[in-house]
Amino acid sequence: MGGHRAALPGFEAPAGLNDVLDIVRAVDGGVSESTVELRRDIGMLLLAQGRTADAFAVPDPLHADLCPVFGPDDELTAEVAETLAVIRLDLDGDGPGCPA
């Protein structure tokens, strides 16, 4: 898996983690603690690689999934919101919060 993307410098780890994420989602579901942590960690790894827009694209939909299910005060939702806040500092300076 990963095809031509695995040959790009710095892309192999996220591609491999996305494969793992697919497996974890199939076993645990889309908003299990393991899935949430893995999605958050993939975003942070992409951020560490300087791929800010890619990093934002991972936890942003996760946060949108968590807010209506668990609410903004849930621990997992709050952790993902904190991750988004860190990524947003690189993008445009917005803070965390559930989507309207």
PDB file of N, CA and C in Angstrom:
ATOM      1  N   MET A   1       0.835  -1.189   0.000  1.00  0.00           N
ATOM      2  CA  MET A   1       0.000   0.000   0.000  1.00  0.00           C
ATOM      3  C   MET A   1       0.870   1.238   0.000  1.00  0.00           C
ATOM      4  N   GLY A   2       0.325   2.366  -0.319  1.00  0.00           N
ATOM      5  CA  GLY A   2       1.074   3.601  -0.328  1.00  0.00           C
ATOM      6  C   GLY A   2       1.565   3.955  -1.716  1.00  0.00           C
ATOM      7  N   GLY A   3       1.813   2.932  -2.563  1.00  0.00           N
ATOM      8  CA  GLY A   3       2.189   3.148  -3.949  1.00  0.00           C
ATOM      9  C   GLY A   3       3.309   4.133  -4.129  1.00  0.00           C
ATOM     10  N   HIS A   4       3.138   5.054  -5.072  1.00  0.00           N
ATOM     11  CA  HIS A   4       4.159   6.031  -5.409  1.00  0.00           C
ATOM     12  C   HIS A   4       4.412   7.023  -4.285  1.00  0.00           C
ATOM     13  N   ARG A   5       3.478   7.209  -3.391  1.00  0.00           N
ATOM     14  CA  ARG A   5       3.651   8.190  -2.320  1.00  0.00           C
ATOM     15  C   ARG A   5       4.741   7.777  -1.346  1.00  0.00           C
ATOM     16  N   ALA A   6       4.956   6.476  -1.140  1.00  0.00           N
ATOM     17  CA  ALA A   6       5.944   6.008  -0.180  1.00  0.00           C
ATOM     18  C   ALA A   6       7.358   6.421  -0.578  1.00  0.00           C
ATOM     19  N   ALA A   7       7.589   6.736  -1.837  1.00  0.00           N
ATOM     20  CA  ALA A   7       8.909   7.120  -2.297  1.00  0.00           C
ATOM     21  C   ALA A   7       9.242   8.569  -1.964  1.00  0.00           C
ATOM     22  N   LEU A   8       8.271   9.362  -1.585  1.00  0.00           N
ATOM     23  CA  LEU A   8       8.513  10.764  -1.268  1.00  0.00           C
ATOM     24  C   LEU A   8       9.147  10.884   0.106  1.00  0.00           C
ATOM     25  N   PRO A   9      10.175  11.731   0.260  1.00  0.00           N
ATOM     26  CA  PRO A   9      10.799  11.909   1.566  1.00  0.00           C
ATOM     27  C   PRO A   9       9.784  12.398   2.590  1.00  0.00           C
ATOM     28  N   GLY A  10       9.809  11.793   3.783  1.00  0.00           N
ATOM     29  CA  GLY A  10       8.932  12.244   4.852  1.00  0.00           C
ATOM     30  C   GLY A  10       7.502  11.773   4.746  1.00  0.00           C
ATOM     31  N   PHE A  11       7.147  11.049   3.691  1.00  0.00           N
ATOM     32  CA  PHE A  11       5.750  10.648   3.540  1.00  0.00           C
ATOM     33  C   PHE A  11       5.507   9.223   3.988  1.00  0.00           C
ATOM     34  N   GLU A  12       6.543   8.425   4.095  1.00  0.00           N
ATOM     35  CA  GLU A  12       6.395   7.008   4.395  1.00  0.00           C
ATOM     36  C   GLU A  12       5.704   6.776   5.732  1.00  0.00           C
ATOM     37  N   ALA A  13       6.112   7.470   6.767  1.00  0.00           N
ATOM     38  CA  ALA A  13       5.500   7.251   8.084  1.00  0.00           C
ATOM     39  C   ALA A  13       4.013   7.596   8.095  1.00  0.00           C
ATOM     40  N   PRO A  14       3.595   8.777   7.608  1.00  0.00           N
ATOM     41  CA  PRO A  14       2.157   9.049   7.598  1.00  0.00           C
ATOM     42  C   PRO A  14       1.377   8.057   6.748  1.00  0.00           C
ATOM     43  N   ALA A  15       1.934   7.639   5.618  1.00  0.00           N
ATOM     44  CA  ALA A  15       1.233   6.668   4.774  1.00  0.00           C
ATOM     45  C   ALA A  15       1.050   5.364   5.528  1.00  0.00           C
ATOM     46  N   GLY A  16       2.087   4.925   6.231  1.00  0.00           N
ATOM     47  CA  GLY A  16       1.997   3.712   7.029  1.00  0.00           C
ATOM     48  C   GLY A  16       0.999   3.858   8.157  1.00  0.00           C
ATOM     49  N   LEU A  17       0.983   5.021   8.789  1.00  0.00           N
ATOM     50  CA  LEU A  17       0.024   5.258   9.870  1.00  0.00           C
ATOM     51  C   LEU A  17      -1.402   5.306   9.346  1.00  0.00           C
ATOM     52  N   ASN A  18      -1.587   5.819   8.149  1.00  0.00           N
ATOM     53  CA  ASN A  18      -2.930   5.818   7.562  1.00  0.00           C
ATOM     54  C   ASN A  18      -3.413   4.398   7.311  1.00  0.00           C
ATOM     55  N   ASP A  19      -2.495   3.504   6.931  1.00  0.00           N
ATOM     56  CA  ASP A  19      -2.861   2.097   6.770  1.00  0.00           C
ATOM     57  C   ASP A  19      -3.278   1.501   8.111  1.00  0.00           C
ATOM     58  N   VAL A  20      -2.514   1.819   9.157  1.00  0.00           N
ATOM     59  CA  VAL A  20      -2.859   1.353  10.505  1.00  0.00           C
ATOM     60  C   VAL A  20      -4.201   1.940  10.927  1.00  0.00           C
ATOM     61  N   LEU A  21      -4.416   3.208  10.633  1.00  0.00           N
ATOM     62  CA  LEU A  21      -5.676   3.863  10.982  1.00  0.00           C
ATOM     63  C   LEU A  21      -6.860   3.154  10.330  1.00  0.00           C
ATOM     64  N   ASP A  22      -6.713   2.767   9.088  1.00  0.00           N
ATOM     65  CA  ASP A  22      -7.795   2.042   8.412  1.00  0.00           C
ATOM     66  C   ASP A  22      -8.138   0.750   9.150  1.00  0.00           C
ATOM     67  N   ILE A  23      -7.114   0.056   9.624  1.00  0.00           N
ATOM     68  CA  ILE A  23      -7.331  -1.195  10.358  1.00  0.00           C
ATOM     69  C   ILE A  23      -7.999  -0.920  11.696  1.00  0.00           C
ATOM     70  N   VAL A  24      -7.502   0.085  12.425  1.00  0.00           N
ATOM     71  CA  VAL A  24      -8.065   0.418  13.739  1.00  0.00           C
ATOM     72  C   VAL A  24      -9.519   0.856  13.594  1.00  0.00           C
ATOM     73  N   ARG A  25      -9.818   1.645  12.575  1.00  0.00           N
ATOM     74  CA  ARG A  25     -11.208   2.064  12.336  1.00  0.00           C
ATOM     75  C   ARG A  25     -12.109   0.864  12.076  1.00  0.00           C
ATOM     76  N   ALA A  26     -11.608  -0.097  11.303  1.00  0.00           N
ATOM     77  CA  ALA A  26     -12.403  -1.282  10.984  1.00  0.00           C
ATOM     78  C   ALA A  26     -12.693  -2.108  12.232  1.00  0.00           C
ATOM     79  N   VAL A  27     -11.738  -2.154  13.157  1.00  0.00           N
ATOM     80  CA  VAL A  27     -11.891  -2.959  14.367  1.00  0.00           C
ATOM     81  C   VAL A  27     -12.646  -2.201  15.455  1.00  0.00           C
ATOM     82  N   ASP A  28     -12.238  -0.962  15.710  1.00  0.00           N
ATOM     83  CA  ASP A  28     -12.751  -0.204  16.859  1.00  0.00           C
ATOM     84  C   ASP A  28     -13.818   0.820  16.520  1.00  0.00           C
ATOM     85  N   GLY A  29     -13.954   1.210  15.270  1.00  0.00           N
ATOM     86  CA  GLY A  29     -14.896   2.254  14.901  1.00  0.00           C
ATOM     87  C   GLY A  29     -14.197   3.594  14.761  1.00  0.00           C
ATOM     88  N   GLY A  30     -14.924   4.573  14.240  1.00  0.00           N
ATOM     89  CA  GLY A  30     -14.348   5.871  13.901  1.00  0.00           C
ATOM     90  C   GLY A  30     -14.060   6.799  15.057  1.00  0.00           C
ATOM     91  N   VAL A  31     -14.733   6.617  16.198  1.00  0.00           N
ATOM     92  CA  VAL A  31     -14.507   7.537  17.317  1.00  0.00           C
ATOM     93  C   VAL A  31     -14.081   6.799  18.587  1.00  0.00           C
ATOM     94  N   SER A  32     -13.475   5.619  18.441  1.00  0.00           N
ATOM     95  CA  SER A  32     -12.929   4.931  19.609  1.00  0.00           C
ATOM     96  C   SER A  32     -11.712   5.703  20.106  1.00  0.00           C
ATOM     97  N   GLU A  33     -11.327   5.471  21.344  1.00  0.00           N
ATOM     98  CA  GLU A  33     -10.176   6.177  21.903  1.00  0.00           C
ATOM     99  C   GLU A  33      -8.914   5.901  21.092  1.00  0.00           C
ATOM    100  N   SER A  34      -8.709   4.657  20.679  1.00  0.00           N
ATOM    101  CA  SER A  34      -7.528   4.312  19.872  1.00  0.00           C
ATOM    102  C   SER A  34      -7.532   5.052  18.542  1.00  0.00           C
ATOM    103  N   THR A  35      -8.679   5.100  17.899  1.00  0.00           N
ATOM    104  CA  THR A  35      -8.794   5.778  16.611  1.00  0.00           C
ATOM    105  C   THR A  35      -8.565   7.275  16.766  1.00  0.00           C
ATOM    106  N   VAL A  36      -9.164   7.852  17.792  1.00  0.00           N
ATOM    107  CA  VAL A  36      -9.010   9.288  18.038  1.00  0.00           C
ATOM    108  C   VAL A  36      -7.545   9.631  18.283  1.00  0.00           C
ATOM    109  N   GLU A  37      -6.878   8.857  19.140  1.00  0.00           N
ATOM    110  CA  GLU A  37      -5.476   9.132  19.445  1.00  0.00           C
ATOM    111  C   GLU A  37      -4.601   8.989  18.205  1.00  0.00           C
ATOM    112  N   LEU A  38      -4.864   7.969  17.401  1.00  0.00           N
ATOM    113  CA  LEU A  38      -4.074   7.774  16.190  1.00  0.00           C
ATOM    114  C   LEU A  38      -4.304   8.907  15.199  1.00  0.00           C
ATOM    115  N   ARG A  39      -5.544   9.319  15.013  1.00  0.00           N
ATOM    116  CA  ARG A  39      -5.832  10.438  14.103  1.00  0.00           C
ATOM    117  C   ARG A  39      -5.147  11.712  14.592  1.00  0.00           C
ATOM    118  N   ARG A  40      -5.187  11.955  15.900  1.00  0.00           N
ATOM    119  CA  ARG A  40      -4.519  13.130  16.466  1.00  0.00           C
ATOM    120  C   ARG A  40      -3.011  13.048  16.252  1.00  0.00           C
ATOM    121  N   ASP A  41      -2.432  11.873  16.509  1.00  0.00           N
ATOM    122  CA  ASP A  41      -0.988  11.705  16.376  1.00  0.00           C
ATOM    123  C   ASP A  41      -0.518  11.854  14.932  1.00  0.00           C
ATOM    124  N   ILE A  42      -1.310  11.385  13.988  1.00  0.00           N
ATOM    125  CA  ILE A  42      -0.966  11.568  12.573  1.00  0.00           C
ATOM    126  C   ILE A  42      -0.923  13.059  12.246  1.00  0.00           C
ATOM    127  N   GLY A  43      -1.884  13.813  12.750  1.00  0.00           N
ATOM    128  CA  GLY A  43      -1.883  15.259  12.539  1.00  0.00           C
ATOM    129  C   GLY A  43      -0.644  15.921  13.113  1.00  0.00           C
ATOM    130  N   MET A  44      -0.239  15.504  14.313  1.00  0.00           N
ATOM    131  CA  MET A  44       0.944  16.098  14.941  1.00  0.00           C
ATOM    132  C   MET A  44       2.219  15.713  14.189  1.00  0.00           C
ATOM    133  N   LEU A  45       2.280  14.486  13.675  1.00  0.00           N
ATOM    134  CA  LEU A  45       3.435  14.067  12.892  1.00  0.00           C
ATOM    135  C   LEU A  45       3.550  14.893  11.615  1.00  0.00           C
ATOM    136  N   LEU A  46       2.431  15.095  10.944  1.00  0.00           N
ATOM    137  CA  LEU A  46       2.439  15.922   9.738  1.00  0.00           C
ATOM    138  C   LEU A  46       2.861  17.351  10.063  1.00  0.00           C
ATOM    139  N   LEU A  47       2.405  17.871  11.195  1.00  0.00           N
ATOM    140  CA  LEU A  47       2.806  19.214  11.613  1.00  0.00           C
ATOM    141  C   LEU A  47       4.309  19.274  11.854  1.00  0.00           C
ATOM    142  N   ALA A  48       4.845  18.249  12.510  1.00  0.00           N
ATOM    143  CA  ALA A  48       6.284  18.202  12.778  1.00  0.00           C
ATOM    144  C   ALA A  48       7.092  18.155  11.485  1.00  0.00           C
ATOM    145  N   GLN A  49       6.502  17.610  10.430  1.00  0.00           N
ATOM    146  CA  GLN A  49       7.163  17.559   9.127  1.00  0.00           C
ATOM    147  C   GLN A  49       6.985  18.856   8.346  1.00  0.00           C
ATOM    148  N   GLY A  50       6.300  19.833   8.933  1.00  0.00           N
ATOM    149  CA  GLY A  50       6.082  21.103   8.257  1.00  0.00           C
ATOM    150  C   GLY A  50       4.931  21.081   7.268  1.00  0.00           C
ATOM    151  N   ARG A  51       4.103  20.065   7.340  1.00  0.00           N
ATOM    152  CA  ARG A  51       2.971  19.917   6.415  1.00  0.00           C
ATOM    153  C   ARG A  51       1.699  20.369   7.124  1.00  0.00           C
ATOM    154  N   THR A  52       1.633  21.661   7.411  1.00  0.00           N
ATOM    155  CA  THR A  52       0.575  22.222   8.245  1.00  0.00           C
ATOM    156  C   THR A  52      -0.818  21.998   7.675  1.00  0.00           C
ATOM    157  N   ALA A  53      -1.020  22.251   6.401  1.00  0.00           N
ATOM    158  CA  ALA A  53      -2.352  22.065   5.814  1.00  0.00           C
ATOM    159  C   ALA A  53      -2.776  20.601   5.880  1.00  0.00           C
ATOM    160  N   ASP A  54      -1.840  19.687   5.601  1.00  0.00           N
ATOM    161  CA  ASP A  54      -2.141  18.259   5.717  1.00  0.00           C
ATOM    162  C   ASP A  54      -2.441  17.899   7.167  1.00  0.00           C
ATOM    163  N   ALA A  55      -1.679  18.495   8.082  1.00  0.00           N
ATOM    164  CA  ALA A  55      -1.877  18.219   9.509  1.00  0.00           C
ATOM    165  C   ALA A  55      -3.268  18.644   9.956  1.00  0.00           C
ATOM    166  N   PHE A  56      -3.731  19.782   9.490  1.00  0.00           N
ATOM    167  CA  PHE A  56      -5.054  20.286   9.867  1.00  0.00           C
ATOM    168  C   PHE A  56      -6.162  19.398   9.315  1.00  0.00           C
ATOM    169  N   ALA A  57      -5.944  18.835   8.134  1.00  0.00           N
ATOM    170  CA  ALA A  57      -6.973  18.026   7.473  1.00  0.00           C
ATOM    171  C   ALA A  57      -7.255  16.714   8.195  1.00  0.00           C
ATOM    172  N   VAL A  58      -6.395  16.314   9.128  1.00  0.00           N
ATOM    173  CA  VAL A  58      -6.613  15.058   9.849  1.00  0.00           C
ATOM    174  C   VAL A  58      -7.497  15.261  11.084  1.00  0.00           C
ATOM    175  N   PRO A  59      -7.117  16.097  12.048  1.00  0.00           N
ATOM    176  CA  PRO A  59      -7.946  16.214  13.251  1.00  0.00           C
ATOM    177  C   PRO A  59      -9.172  17.110  13.103  1.00  0.00           C
ATOM    178  N   ASP A  60      -9.219  17.967  12.080  1.00  0.00           N
ATOM    179  CA  ASP A  60     -10.382  18.842  11.934  1.00  0.00           C
ATOM    180  C   ASP A  60     -11.674  18.044  11.731  1.00  0.00           C
ATOM    181  N   PRO A  61     -11.722  17.091  10.794  1.00  0.00           N
ATOM    182  CA  PRO A  61     -12.951  16.299  10.675  1.00  0.00           C
ATOM    183  C   PRO A  61     -13.186  15.402  11.887  1.00  0.00           C
ATOM    184  N   LEU A  62     -12.100  14.987  12.540  1.00  0.00           N
ATOM    185  CA  LEU A  62     -12.243  14.200  13.767  1.00  0.00           C
ATOM    186  C   LEU A  62     -12.960  15.020  14.828  1.00  0.00           C
ATOM    187  N   HIS A  63     -12.555  16.263  14.995  1.00  0.00           N
ATOM    188  CA  HIS A  63     -13.182  17.147  15.976  1.00  0.00           C
ATOM    189  C   HIS A  63     -14.650  17.366  15.636  1.00  0.00           C
ATOM    190  N   ALA A  64     -14.923  17.539  14.351  1.00  0.00           N
ATOM    191  CA  ALA A  64     -16.313  17.707  13.912  1.00  0.00           C
ATOM    192  C   ALA A  64     -17.136  16.450  14.199  1.00  0.00           C
ATOM    193  N   ASP A  65     -16.504  15.273  14.140  1.00  0.00           N
ATOM    194  CA  ASP A  65     -17.187  14.021  14.479  1.00  0.00           C
ATOM    195  C   ASP A  65     -17.450  13.912  15.977  1.00  0.00           C
ATOM    196  N   LEU A  66     -16.486  14.340  16.781  1.00  0.00           N
ATOM    197  CA  LEU A  66     -16.579  14.173  18.233  1.00  0.00           C
ATOM    198  C   LEU A  66     -17.549  15.144  18.894  1.00  0.00           C
ATOM    199  N   CYS A  67     -17.590  16.382  18.423  1.00  0.00           N
ATOM    200  CA  CYS A  67     -18.423  17.406  19.078  1.00  0.00           C
ATOM    201  C   CYS A  67     -19.885  16.999  19.234  1.00  0.00           C
ATOM    202  N   PRO A  68     -20.563  16.560  18.181  1.00  0.00           N
ATOM    203  CA  PRO A  68     -21.983  16.217  18.364  1.00  0.00           C
ATOM    204  C   PRO A  68     -22.197  14.929  19.156  1.00  0.00           C
ATOM    205  N   VAL A  69     -21.207  14.040  19.152  1.00  0.00           N
ATOM    206  CA  VAL A  69     -21.360  12.763  19.851  1.00  0.00           C
ATOM    207  C   VAL A  69     -21.067  12.907  21.338  1.00  0.00           C
ATOM    208  N   PHE A  70     -19.947  13.557  21.677  1.00  0.00           N
ATOM    209  CA  PHE A  70     -19.501  13.629  23.065  1.00  0.00           C
ATOM    210  C   PHE A  70     -19.591  15.020  23.678  1.00  0.00           C
ATOM    211  N   GLY A  71     -19.697  16.060  22.850  1.00  0.00           N
ATOM    212  CA  GLY A  71     -19.740  17.427  23.351  1.00  0.00           C
ATOM    213  C   GLY A  71     -18.350  18.017  23.503  1.00  0.00           C
ATOM    214  N   PRO A  72     -18.269  19.351  23.592  1.00  0.00           N
ATOM    215  CA  PRO A  72     -16.972  20.031  23.631  1.00  0.00           C
ATOM    216  C   PRO A  72     -16.206  19.832  24.938  1.00  0.00           C
ATOM    217  N   ASP A  73     -16.881  19.416  26.014  1.00  0.00           N
ATOM    218  CA  ASP A  73     -16.211  19.255  27.304  1.00  0.00           C
ATOM    219  C   ASP A  73     -15.664  17.851  27.531  1.00  0.00           C
ATOM    220  N   ASP A  74     -15.930  16.933  26.613  1.00  0.00           N
ATOM    221  CA  ASP A  74     -15.414  15.578  26.722  1.00  0.00           C
ATOM    222  C   ASP A  74     -13.892  15.595  26.619  1.00  0.00           C
ATOM    223  N   GLU A  75     -13.230  14.697  27.337  1.00  0.00           N
ATOM    224  CA  GLU A  75     -11.766  14.659  27.359  1.00  0.00           C
ATOM    225  C   GLU A  75     -11.166  14.438  25.968  1.00  0.00           C
ATOM    226  N   LEU A  76     -11.699  13.486  25.217  1.00  0.00           N
ATOM    227  CA  LEU A  76     -11.172  13.236  23.870  1.00  0.00           C
ATOM    228  C   LEU A  76     -11.398  14.429  22.950  1.00  0.00           C
ATOM    229  N   THR A  77     -12.597  15.009  23.025  1.00  0.00           N
ATOM    230  CA  THR A  77     -12.897  16.185  22.204  1.00  0.00           C
ATOM    231  C   THR A  77     -11.947  17.323  22.553  1.00  0.00           C
ATOM    232  N   ALA A  78     -11.704  17.520  23.847  1.00  0.00           N
ATOM    233  CA  ALA A  78     -10.806  18.587  24.294  1.00  0.00           C
ATOM    234  C   ALA A  78      -9.374  18.345  23.819  1.00  0.00           C
ATOM    235  N   GLU A  79      -8.917  17.091  23.858  1.00  0.00           N
ATOM    236  CA  GLU A  79      -7.562  16.783  23.389  1.00  0.00           C
ATOM    237  C   GLU A  79      -7.413  17.094  21.903  1.00  0.00           C
ATOM    238  N   VAL A  80      -8.409  16.736  21.128  1.00  0.00           N
ATOM    239  CA  VAL A  80      -8.354  17.010  19.693  1.00  0.00           C
ATOM    240  C   VAL A  80      -8.428  18.520  19.445  1.00  0.00           C
ATOM    241  N   ALA A  81      -9.242  19.229  20.230  1.00  0.00           N
ATOM    242  CA  ALA A  81      -9.324  20.692  20.105  1.00  0.00           C
ATOM    243  C   ALA A  81      -7.971  21.330  20.401  1.00  0.00           C
ATOM    244  N   GLU A  82      -7.254  20.802  21.395  1.00  0.00           N
ATOM    245  CA  GLU A  82      -5.921  21.322  21.715  1.00  0.00           C
ATOM    246  C   GLU A  82      -4.951  21.076  20.560  1.00  0.00           C
ATOM    247  N   THR A  83      -5.033  19.903  19.963  1.00  0.00           N
ATOM    248  CA  THR A  83      -4.191  19.598  18.805  1.00  0.00           C
ATOM    249  C   THR A  83      -4.489  20.566  17.666  1.00  0.00           C
ATOM    250  N   LEU A  84      -5.773  20.807  17.419  1.00  0.00           N
ATOM    251  CA  LEU A  84      -6.162  21.762  16.376  1.00  0.00           C
ATOM    252  C   LEU A  84      -5.647  23.159  16.686  1.00  0.00           C
ATOM    253  N   ALA A  85      -5.679  23.545  17.947  1.00  0.00           N
ATOM    254  CA  ALA A  85      -5.191  24.870  18.329  1.00  0.00           C
ATOM    255  C   ALA A  85      -3.709  25.011  17.999  1.00  0.00           C
ATOM    256  N   VAL A  86      -2.928  23.963  18.257  1.00  0.00           N
ATOM    257  CA  VAL A  86      -1.501  23.989  17.940  1.00  0.00           C
ATOM    258  C   VAL A  86      -1.302  24.121  16.430  1.00  0.00           C
ATOM    259  N   ILE A  87      -2.059  23.360  15.665  1.00  0.00           N
ATOM    260  CA  ILE A  87      -1.934  23.406  14.206  1.00  0.00           C
ATOM    261  C   ILE A  87      -2.386  24.762  13.673  1.00  0.00           C
ATOM    262  N   ARG A  88      -3.457  25.303  14.241  1.00  0.00           N
ATOM    263  CA  ARG A  88      -3.963  26.610  13.777  1.00  0.00           C
ATOM    264  C   ARG A  88      -2.959  27.727  14.015  1.00  0.00           C
ATOM    265  N   LEU A  89      -2.114  27.587  15.027  1.00  0.00           N
ATOM    266  CA  LEU A  89      -1.082  28.597  15.257  1.00  0.00           C
ATOM    267  C   LEU A  89      -0.206  28.747  14.017  1.00  0.00           C
ATOM    268  N   ASP A  90       0.063  27.640  13.347  1.00  0.00           N
ATOM    269  CA  ASP A  90       0.846  27.692  12.114  1.00  0.00           C
ATOM    270  C   ASP A  90       0.020  28.176  10.929  1.00  0.00           C
ATOM    271  N   LEU A  91      -1.290  27.922  10.957  1.00  0.00           N
ATOM    272  CA  LEU A  91      -2.141  28.294   9.823  1.00  0.00           C
ATOM    273  C   LEU A  91      -2.579  29.750   9.881  1.00  0.00           C
ATOM    274  N   ASP A  92      -3.360  30.090  10.934  1.00  0.00           N
ATOM    275  CA  ASP A  92      -3.919  31.444  10.947  1.00  0.00           C
ATOM    276  C   ASP A  92      -4.191  32.007  12.333  1.00  0.00           C
ATOM    277  N   GLY A  93      -3.793  31.323  13.379  1.00  0.00           N
ATOM    278  CA  GLY A  93      -3.943  31.870  14.717  1.00  0.00           C
ATOM    279  C   GLY A  93      -5.294  31.689  15.363  1.00  0.00           C
ATOM    280  N   ASP A  94      -6.252  30.957  14.744  1.00  0.00           N
ATOM    281  CA  ASP A  94      -7.560  30.732  15.362  1.00  0.00           C
ATOM    282  C   ASP A  94      -7.418  29.819  16.573  1.00  0.00           C
ATOM    283  N   GLY A  95      -8.361  29.897  17.483  1.00  0.00           N
ATOM    284  CA  GLY A  95      -8.374  29.049  18.667  1.00  0.00           C
ATOM    285  C   GLY A  95      -9.301  27.878  18.503  1.00  0.00           C
ATOM    286  N   PRO A  96      -9.330  26.995  19.532  1.00  0.00           N
ATOM    287  CA  PRO A  96     -10.200  25.826  19.466  1.00  0.00           C
ATOM    288  C   PRO A  96     -11.658  26.183  19.674  1.00  0.00           C
ATOM    289  N   GLY A  97     -12.529  25.241  19.397  1.00  0.00           N
ATOM    290  CA  GLY A  97     -13.959  25.411  19.598  1.00  0.00           C
ATOM    291  C   GLY A  97     -14.710  24.492  18.670  1.00  0.00           C
ATOM    292  N   CYS A  98     -15.894  24.081  19.066  1.00  0.00           N
ATOM    293  CA  CYS A  98     -16.691  23.193  18.223  1.00  0.00           C
ATOM    294  C   CYS A  98     -17.243  23.973  17.042  1.00  0.00           C
ATOM    295  N   PRO A  99     -17.346  23.306  15.898  1.00  0.00           N
ATOM    296  CA  PRO A  99     -17.931  23.981  14.736  1.00  0.00           C
ATOM    297  C   PRO A  99     -19.392  24.319  14.986  1.00  0.00           C
ATOM    298  N   ALA A 100     -19.842  25.383  14.407  1.00  0.00           N
ATOM    299  CA  ALA A 100     -21.234  25.816  14.592  1.00  0.00           C
ATOM    300  C   ALA A 100     -22.189  24.937  13.838  1.00  0.00           C
TER     301      ALA A 100
END
